[in-house]
Amino acid sequence: MTSNVWEQFTMKEEKDGKEVAICNDCEKFYAYSSKKGTSSLGDLQDGGSLQILLRIPPPGVELSQAESYYVDDRVVNAYFNFLQRRYERFPDMYVKNHYYHSFYAVFMPICRHSHWSLFCADFEDKRMVLLDSLQLNSVTSQLATDISGWFKDHLLPSIGHNPEHWSFDVPTNIPLQKNPLECGLFVMKYADCLVHRHRVPFSLNVPFSQDDMFYFRYRAFLDLCGESAS
């Protein structure tokens, strides 16, 4: 079966015989092999596969089918590394961010019981938020207690910050997932929105929803392929 991914690319053979795929949207060049198909576009340098981003969950997908569509830590970590490198290239367009501390913001993707959430801390406003696209009540509440306690009691003092006057919130009026499988993608997109000069926490006027995940899967795939080829 021919993948519809190829509809987004123009294939070309270079003078040296190497095959490349040119994105019709961004015009970037990606290494490509006609013998390997789309898998030749989706290999991370560390051996993890980006192919999962091209697998679109059908309507009504069930948790038992998670293995075919679930974005794991290899892809999530690669995407957050991409956000850091993107800031380094375009510092006037994006917020400086790190997994741990900068003196502006912290973005920490957290996976507990195979469910992803995003912890954010704004050092300017002294505010922490936990963004959970499923909002699993007791699970979210326990995670909120654990991560906020660790941040205030251990991390802030270790980097010379006074934990007093810091606030913590778990916003409810944020984009939520409508299937049980795409929490990792929502965490990636939350972070992508925040570093586009949206302030931490969300202005809560973030223009994406579950319906946009098809496009975001494709966009993230192209971004990470470009990173692995550079």
C-alpha atoms as a PDB file:
ATOM      1  CA  MET A   1       0.000   0.000   0.000  1.00  0.00           C
ATOM      2  CA  THR A   2       1.338   3.447  -0.900  1.00  0.00           C
ATOM      3  CA  SER A   3       1.448   5.888   2.015  1.00  0.00           C
ATOM      4  CA  ASN A   4      -0.364   9.210   1.565  1.00  0.00           C
ATOM      5  CA  VAL A   5       2.649  10.814   3.255  1.00  0.00           C
ATOM      6  CA  TRP A   6       4.311  10.926  -0.163  1.00  0.00           C
ATOM      7  CA  GLU A   7       1.651  13.336  -1.406  1.00  0.00           C
ATOM      8  CA  GLN A   8       3.428  15.977   0.694  1.00  0.00           C
ATOM      9  CA  PHE A   9       6.814  15.433  -0.991  1.00  0.00           C
ATOM     10  CA  THR A  10       8.514  15.701  -4.374  1.00  0.00           C
ATOM     11  CA  MET A  11      11.120  12.984  -4.919  1.00  0.00           C
ATOM     12  CA  LYS A  12      14.391  13.809  -6.668  1.00  0.00           C
ATOM     13  CA  GLU A  13      17.669  12.061  -7.422  1.00  0.00           C
ATOM     14  CA  GLU A  14      20.808  14.155  -6.934  1.00  0.00           C
ATOM     15  CA  LYS A  15      23.795  14.097  -9.319  1.00  0.00           C
ATOM     16  CA  ASP A  16      25.676  11.805  -6.939  1.00  0.00           C
ATOM     17  CA  GLY A  17      22.829   9.310  -7.095  1.00  0.00           C
ATOM     18  CA  LYS A  18      21.455  10.043  -3.617  1.00  0.00           C
ATOM     19  CA  GLU A  19      17.674  10.226  -3.314  1.00  0.00           C
ATOM     20  CA  VAL A  20      16.042  13.151  -1.535  1.00  0.00           C
ATOM     21  CA  ALA A  21      12.437  14.050  -0.682  1.00  0.00           C
ATOM     22  CA  ILE A  22      11.527  17.747  -0.903  1.00  0.00           C
ATOM     23  CA  CYS A  23       8.686  18.936   1.337  1.00  0.00           C
ATOM     24  CA  ASN A  24       6.058  20.694  -0.785  1.00  0.00           C
ATOM     25  CA  ASP A  25       5.208  22.905   2.201  1.00  0.00           C
ATOM     26  CA  CYS A  26       8.553  24.103   3.602  1.00  0.00           C
ATOM     27  CA  GLU A  27      10.847  23.060   0.698  1.00  0.00           C
ATOM     28  CA  LYS A  28      13.281  21.344   3.076  1.00  0.00           C
ATOM     29  CA  PHE A  29      15.340  18.395   1.783  1.00  0.00           C
ATOM     30  CA  TYR A  30      15.172  15.037   3.587  1.00  0.00           C
ATOM     31  CA  ALA A  31      17.198  11.903   3.052  1.00  0.00           C
ATOM     32  CA  TYR A  32      15.044   9.264   1.370  1.00  0.00           C
ATOM     33  CA  SER A  33      15.264   5.731   0.019  1.00  0.00           C
ATOM     34  CA  SER A  34      12.733   4.364  -2.459  1.00  0.00           C
ATOM     35  CA  LYS A  35      13.533   0.868  -1.211  1.00  0.00           C
ATOM     36  CA  LYS A  36      12.732   1.650   2.445  1.00  0.00           C
ATOM     37  CA  GLY A  37       9.642   3.788   1.852  1.00  0.00           C
ATOM     38  CA  THR A  38       8.491   6.231   4.537  1.00  0.00           C
ATOM     39  CA  SER A  39      10.671   4.538   7.149  1.00  0.00           C
ATOM     40  CA  SER A  40      13.695   6.173   5.529  1.00  0.00           C
ATOM     41  CA  LEU A  41      12.272   9.568   6.545  1.00  0.00           C
ATOM     42  CA  GLY A  42      11.512   8.670  10.126  1.00  0.00           C
ATOM     43  CA  ASP A  43      14.659   7.499  11.890  1.00  0.00           C
ATOM     44  CA  LEU A  44      16.022   9.557  14.769  1.00  0.00           C
ATOM     45  CA  GLN A  45      19.771   9.645  15.280  1.00  0.00           C
ATOM     46  CA  ASP A  46      19.381   7.733  18.555  1.00  0.00           C
ATOM     47  CA  GLY A  47      17.569   4.884  16.818  1.00  0.00           C
ATOM     48  CA  GLY A  48      14.058   5.886  17.839  1.00  0.00           C
ATOM     49  CA  SER A  49      11.426   6.004  15.137  1.00  0.00           C
ATOM     50  CA  LEU A  50       9.287   8.965  14.144  1.00  0.00           C
ATOM     51  CA  GLN A  51       6.973   6.741  12.155  1.00  0.00           C
ATOM     52  CA  ILE A  52       4.430   6.804  14.978  1.00  0.00           C
ATOM     53  CA  LEU A  53       3.722  10.446  14.122  1.00  0.00           C
ATOM     54  CA  LEU A  54       2.409   9.402  10.715  1.00  0.00           C
ATOM     55  CA  ARG A  55      -0.099   6.924  12.120  1.00  0.00           C
ATOM     56  CA  ILE A  56      -3.397   8.763  12.515  1.00  0.00           C
ATOM     57  CA  PRO A  57      -5.787   7.251  15.107  1.00  0.00           C
ATOM     58  CA  PRO A  58      -9.210   6.531  13.567  1.00  0.00           C
ATOM     59  CA  PRO A  59     -12.387   7.895  15.192  1.00  0.00           C
ATOM     60  CA  GLY A  60     -13.370   5.821  18.208  1.00  0.00           C
ATOM     61  CA  VAL A  61      -9.875   4.397  18.711  1.00  0.00           C
ATOM     62  CA  GLU A  62      -9.573   2.417  21.954  1.00  0.00           C
ATOM     63  CA  LEU A  63      -6.841   2.284  24.585  1.00  0.00           C
ATOM     64  CA  SER A  64      -6.097  -1.334  23.603  1.00  0.00           C
ATOM     65  CA  GLN A  65      -4.770   0.040  20.296  1.00  0.00           C
ATOM     66  CA  ALA A  66      -2.345   2.429  21.988  1.00  0.00           C
ATOM     67  CA  GLU A  67       0.814   0.710  20.770  1.00  0.00           C
ATOM     68  CA  SER A  68       0.052   1.693  17.178  1.00  0.00           C
ATOM     69  CA  TYR A  69      -0.387   5.426  17.863  1.00  0.00           C
ATOM     70  CA  TYR A  70       1.124   6.330  21.254  1.00  0.00           C
ATOM     71  CA  VAL A  71       3.977   8.873  21.193  1.00  0.00           C
ATOM     72  CA  ASP A  72       6.648   7.665  23.617  1.00  0.00           C
ATOM     73  CA  ASP A  73       9.535   9.353  25.434  1.00  0.00           C
ATOM     74  CA  ARG A  74      11.922   9.124  22.457  1.00  0.00           C
ATOM     75  CA  VAL A  75       9.715  11.385  20.364  1.00  0.00           C
ATOM     76  CA  VAL A  76       8.683  13.693  23.229  1.00  0.00           C
ATOM     77  CA  ASN A  77      12.304  14.200  24.327  1.00  0.00           C
ATOM     78  CA  ALA A  78      13.420  14.778  20.742  1.00  0.00           C
ATOM     79  CA  TYR A  79      10.715  17.418  20.320  1.00  0.00           C
ATOM     80  CA  PHE A  80      11.699  19.311  23.470  1.00  0.00           C
ATOM     81  CA  ASN A  81      15.321  19.262  22.338  1.00  0.00           C
ATOM     82  CA  PHE A  82      14.107  20.652  19.020  1.00  0.00           C
ATOM     83  CA  LEU A  83      12.317  23.513  20.843  1.00  0.00           C
ATOM     84  CA  GLN A  84      15.565  24.424  22.606  1.00  0.00           C
ATOM     85  CA  ARG A  85      17.565  24.431  19.388  1.00  0.00           C
ATOM     86  CA  ARG A  86      14.841  26.439  17.632  1.00  0.00           C
ATOM     87  CA  TYR A  87      15.134  29.127  20.302  1.00  0.00           C
ATOM     88  CA  GLU A  88      18.909  29.232  19.788  1.00  0.00           C
ATOM     89  CA  ARG A  89      18.389  29.905  16.072  1.00  0.00           C
ATOM     90  CA  PHE A  90      15.542  32.429  16.502  1.00  0.00           C
ATOM     91  CA  PRO A  91      15.866  33.994  19.990  1.00  0.00           C
ATOM     92  CA  ASP A  92      13.664  36.981  19.112  1.00  0.00           C
ATOM     93  CA  MET A  93      10.718  34.763  18.203  1.00  0.00           C
ATOM     94  CA  TYR A  94      10.664  32.198  21.008  1.00  0.00           C
ATOM     95  CA  VAL A  95      10.883  32.026  24.792  1.00  0.00           C
ATOM     96  CA  LYS A  96      14.115  30.680  26.231  1.00  0.00           C
ATOM     97  CA  ASN A  97      13.337  27.320  27.776  1.00  0.00           C
ATOM     98  CA  HIS A  98      15.096  24.387  29.353  1.00  0.00           C
ATOM     99  CA  TYR A  99      14.176  21.054  30.815  1.00  0.00           C
ATOM    100  CA  TYR A 100      15.454  22.343  34.124  1.00  0.00           C
ATOM    101  CA  HIS A 101      16.144  25.959  34.954  1.00  0.00           C
ATOM    102  CA  SER A 102      16.735  29.033  32.903  1.00  0.00           C
ATOM    103  CA  PHE A 103      15.998  32.352  34.522  1.00  0.00           C
ATOM    104  CA  TYR A 104      12.823  32.712  32.548  1.00  0.00           C
ATOM    105  CA  ALA A 105      10.866  29.472  32.423  1.00  0.00           C
ATOM    106  CA  VAL A 106      10.899  25.746  33.022  1.00  0.00           C
ATOM    107  CA  PHE A 107       9.049  23.240  30.839  1.00  0.00           C
ATOM    108  CA  MET A 108       9.086  19.651  32.081  1.00  0.00           C
ATOM    109  CA  PRO A 109       7.236  16.864  30.254  1.00  0.00           C
ATOM    110  CA  ILE A 110       6.252  14.233  32.821  1.00  0.00           C
ATOM    111  CA  CYS A 111       5.065  10.695  32.128  1.00  0.00           C
ATOM    112  CA  ARG A 112       3.318   8.772  34.904  1.00  0.00           C
ATOM    113  CA  HIS A 113       1.492   5.516  34.272  1.00  0.00           C
ATOM    114  CA  SER A 114       1.945   6.070  30.496  1.00  0.00           C
ATOM    115  CA  HIS A 115       0.147   9.425  30.670  1.00  0.00           C
ATOM    116  CA  TRP A 116       1.942  12.661  29.745  1.00  0.00           C
ATOM    117  CA  SER A 117       1.479  16.034  31.468  1.00  0.00           C
ATOM    118  CA  LEU A 118       3.450  19.270  31.223  1.00  0.00           C
ATOM    119  CA  PHE A 119       4.793  21.121  34.242  1.00  0.00           C
ATOM    120  CA  CYS A 120       5.616  24.804  33.642  1.00  0.00           C
ATOM    121  CA  ALA A 121       7.168  27.415  35.905  1.00  0.00           C
ATOM    122  CA  ASP A 122       7.432  31.142  35.205  1.00  0.00           C
ATOM    123  CA  PHE A 123      10.347  32.632  37.139  1.00  0.00           C
ATOM    124  CA  GLU A 124       9.250  36.193  36.434  1.00  0.00           C
ATOM    125  CA  ASP A 125       5.731  35.800  37.835  1.00  0.00           C
ATOM    126  CA  LYS A 126       6.700  33.085  40.342  1.00  0.00           C
ATOM    127  CA  ARG A 127       3.935  30.830  39.105  1.00  0.00           C
ATOM    128  CA  MET A 128       3.711  27.089  38.442  1.00  0.00           C
ATOM    129  CA  VAL A 129       1.105  25.256  36.364  1.00  0.00           C
ATOM    130  CA  LEU A 130       0.449  21.630  35.496  1.00  0.00           C
ATOM    131  CA  LEU A 131      -1.178  21.112  32.086  1.00  0.00           C
ATOM    132  CA  ASP A 132      -3.032  17.808  31.795  1.00  0.00           C
ATOM    133  CA  SER A 133      -4.970  17.080  28.612  1.00  0.00           C
ATOM    134  CA  LEU A 134      -7.074  14.358  30.268  1.00  0.00           C
ATOM    135  CA  GLN A 135      -7.450  15.854  33.753  1.00  0.00           C
ATOM    136  CA  LEU A 136      -7.733  12.523  35.517  1.00  0.00           C
ATOM    137  CA  ASN A 137      -8.857  13.955  38.868  1.00  0.00           C
ATOM    138  CA  SER A 138      -7.126  11.901  41.579  1.00  0.00           C
ATOM    139  CA  VAL A 139      -4.142  11.016  39.360  1.00  0.00           C
ATOM    140  CA  THR A 140      -3.677  14.644  38.328  1.00  0.00           C
ATOM    141  CA  SER A 141      -4.126  15.819  41.906  1.00  0.00           C
ATOM    142  CA  GLN A 142      -1.433  13.472  43.213  1.00  0.00           C
ATOM    143  CA  LEU A 143       0.980  14.445  40.447  1.00  0.00           C
ATOM    144  CA  ALA A 144       0.314  18.126  41.134  1.00  0.00           C
ATOM    145  CA  THR A 145       1.130  17.628  44.814  1.00  0.00           C
ATOM    146  CA  ASP A 146       4.314  15.670  44.070  1.00  0.00           C
ATOM    147  CA  ILE A 147       5.767  17.937  41.391  1.00  0.00           C
ATOM    148  CA  SER A 148       4.927  21.265  43.061  1.00  0.00           C
ATOM    149  CA  GLY A 149       6.336  20.010  46.370  1.00  0.00           C
ATOM    150  CA  TRP A 150       9.564  18.850  44.715  1.00  0.00           C
ATOM    151  CA  PHE A 151       9.933  22.127  42.821  1.00  0.00           C
ATOM    152  CA  LYS A 152       9.364  24.386  45.839  1.00  0.00           C
ATOM    153  CA  ASP A 153      11.114  22.289  48.499  1.00  0.00           C
ATOM    154  CA  HIS A 154      14.116  21.062  46.525  1.00  0.00           C
ATOM    155  CA  LEU A 155      14.744  22.629  43.119  1.00  0.00           C
ATOM    156  CA  LEU A 156      14.138  26.315  43.915  1.00  0.00           C
ATOM    157  CA  PRO A 157      16.403  26.375  47.013  1.00  0.00           C
ATOM    158  CA  SER A 158      19.107  24.453  45.125  1.00  0.00           C
ATOM    159  CA  ILE A 159      19.358  27.212  42.496  1.00  0.00           C
ATOM    160  CA  GLY A 160      19.175  30.089  44.947  1.00  0.00           C
ATOM    161  CA  HIS A 161      15.476  30.988  44.707  1.00  0.00           C
ATOM    162  CA  ASN A 162      13.150  31.630  47.626  1.00  0.00           C
ATOM    163  CA  PRO A 163      10.094  29.334  47.291  1.00  0.00           C
ATOM    164  CA  GLU A 164       7.818  31.743  49.170  1.00  0.00           C
ATOM    165  CA  HIS A 165       5.173  33.627  47.192  1.00  0.00           C
ATOM    166  CA  TRP A 166       5.119  31.042  44.389  1.00  0.00           C
ATOM    167  CA  SER A 167       1.608  30.021  43.293  1.00  0.00           C
ATOM    168  CA  PHE A 168       0.467  26.767  41.707  1.00  0.00           C
ATOM    169  CA  ASP A 169      -2.498  25.989  39.475  1.00  0.00           C
ATOM    170  CA  VAL A 170      -3.959  23.149  37.381  1.00  0.00           C
ATOM    171  CA  PRO A 171      -5.912  25.005  34.643  1.00  0.00           C
ATOM    172  CA  THR A 172      -9.101  23.364  33.416  1.00  0.00           C
ATOM    173  CA  ASN A 173      -9.942  25.608  30.460  1.00  0.00           C
ATOM    174  CA  ILE A 174      -7.164  24.354  28.183  1.00  0.00           C
ATOM    175  CA  PRO A 175      -7.322  22.225  25.005  1.00  0.00           C
ATOM    176  CA  LEU A 176      -8.199  18.635  25.956  1.00  0.00           C
ATOM    177  CA  GLN A 177      -7.711  15.392  24.085  1.00  0.00           C
ATOM    178  CA  LYS A 178     -10.773  13.493  22.901  1.00  0.00           C
ATOM    179  CA  ASN A 179      -9.149  10.100  22.524  1.00  0.00           C
ATOM    180  CA  PRO A 180      -7.075   8.172  25.079  1.00  0.00           C
ATOM    181  CA  LEU A 181      -3.850   8.034  23.052  1.00  0.00           C
ATOM    182  CA  GLU A 182      -2.521  11.486  22.237  1.00  0.00           C
ATOM    183  CA  CYS A 183      -1.427  12.925  25.575  1.00  0.00           C
ATOM    184  CA  GLY A 184       2.189  13.080  24.380  1.00  0.00           C
ATOM    185  CA  LEU A 185       1.192  15.148  21.366  1.00  0.00           C
ATOM    186  CA  PHE A 186      -0.810  17.541  23.526  1.00  0.00           C
ATOM    187  CA  VAL A 187       2.192  18.043  25.822  1.00  0.00           C
ATOM    188  CA  MET A 188       4.355  18.781  22.780  1.00  0.00           C
ATOM    189  CA  LYS A 189       1.803  21.255  21.425  1.00  0.00           C
ATOM    190  CA  TYR A 190       1.286  22.953  24.799  1.00  0.00           C
ATOM    191  CA  ALA A 191       5.031  23.638  24.911  1.00  0.00           C
ATOM    192  CA  ASP A 192       5.097  24.770  21.291  1.00  0.00           C
ATOM    193  CA  CYS A 193       2.381  27.341  22.054  1.00  0.00           C
ATOM    194  CA  LEU A 194       4.062  28.565  25.224  1.00  0.00           C
ATOM    195  CA  VAL A 195       7.417  29.246  23.608  1.00  0.00           C
ATOM    196  CA  HIS A 196       5.770  31.222  20.788  1.00  0.00           C
ATOM    197  CA  ARG A 197       5.897  34.182  23.153  1.00  0.00           C
ATOM    198  CA  HIS A 198       2.677  33.138  24.878  1.00  0.00           C
ATOM    199  CA  ARG A 199       3.169  33.809  28.555  1.00  0.00           C
ATOM    200  CA  VAL A 200       3.324  31.116  31.192  1.00  0.00           C
ATOM    201  CA  PRO A 201       0.747  30.090  32.223  1.00  0.00           C
ATOM    202  CA  PHE A 202      -1.582  29.968  29.267  1.00  0.00           C
ATOM    203  CA  SER A 203      -3.539  32.994  28.277  1.00  0.00           C
ATOM    204  CA  LEU A 204      -6.070  30.163  27.778  1.00  0.00           C
ATOM    205  CA  ASN A 205      -6.767  31.478  24.311  1.00  0.00           C
ATOM    206  CA  VAL A 206      -4.576  28.844  22.661  1.00  0.00           C
ATOM    207  CA  PRO A 207      -5.743  28.177  19.120  1.00  0.00           C
ATOM    208  CA  PHE A 208      -5.638  24.398  18.820  1.00  0.00           C
ATOM    209  CA  SER A 209      -7.851  21.408  19.545  1.00  0.00           C
ATOM    210  CA  GLN A 210      -8.044  17.651  19.024  1.00  0.00           C
ATOM    211  CA  ASP A 211      -9.028  18.316  15.412  1.00  0.00           C
ATOM    212  CA  ASP A 212      -5.610  19.875  14.789  1.00  0.00           C
ATOM    213  CA  MET A 213      -3.630  16.806  15.841  1.00  0.00           C
ATOM    214  CA  PHE A 214      -3.533  15.404  12.300  1.00  0.00           C
ATOM    215  CA  TYR A 215      -1.701  18.510  11.081  1.00  0.00           C
ATOM    216  CA  PHE A 216       0.508  18.699  14.189  1.00  0.00           C
ATOM    217  CA  ARG A 217       1.633  15.081  13.756  1.00  0.00           C
ATOM    218  CA  TYR A 218       2.744  15.922  10.218  1.00  0.00           C
ATOM    219  CA  ARG A 219       4.376  19.218  11.279  1.00  0.00           C
ATOM    220  CA  ALA A 220       6.275  17.595  14.164  1.00  0.00           C
ATOM    221  CA  PHE A 221       7.423  14.788  11.860  1.00  0.00           C
ATOM    222  CA  LEU A 222       8.892  17.296   9.398  1.00  0.00           C
ATOM    223  CA  ASP A 223      10.527  19.371  12.149  1.00  0.00           C
ATOM    224  CA  LEU A 224      12.206  16.356  13.737  1.00  0.00           C
ATOM    225  CA  CYS A 225      13.262  14.863  10.417  1.00  0.00           C
ATOM    226  CA  GLY A 226      14.927  18.160   9.611  1.00  0.00           C
ATOM    227  CA  GLU A 227      16.700  18.085  12.980  1.00  0.00           C
ATOM    228  CA  SER A 228      17.989  14.523  12.512  1.00  0.00           C
ATOM    229  CA  ALA A 229      19.250  15.311   9.014  1.00  0.00           C
ATOM    230  CA  SER A 230      21.104  18.477  10.064  1.00  0.00           C
END
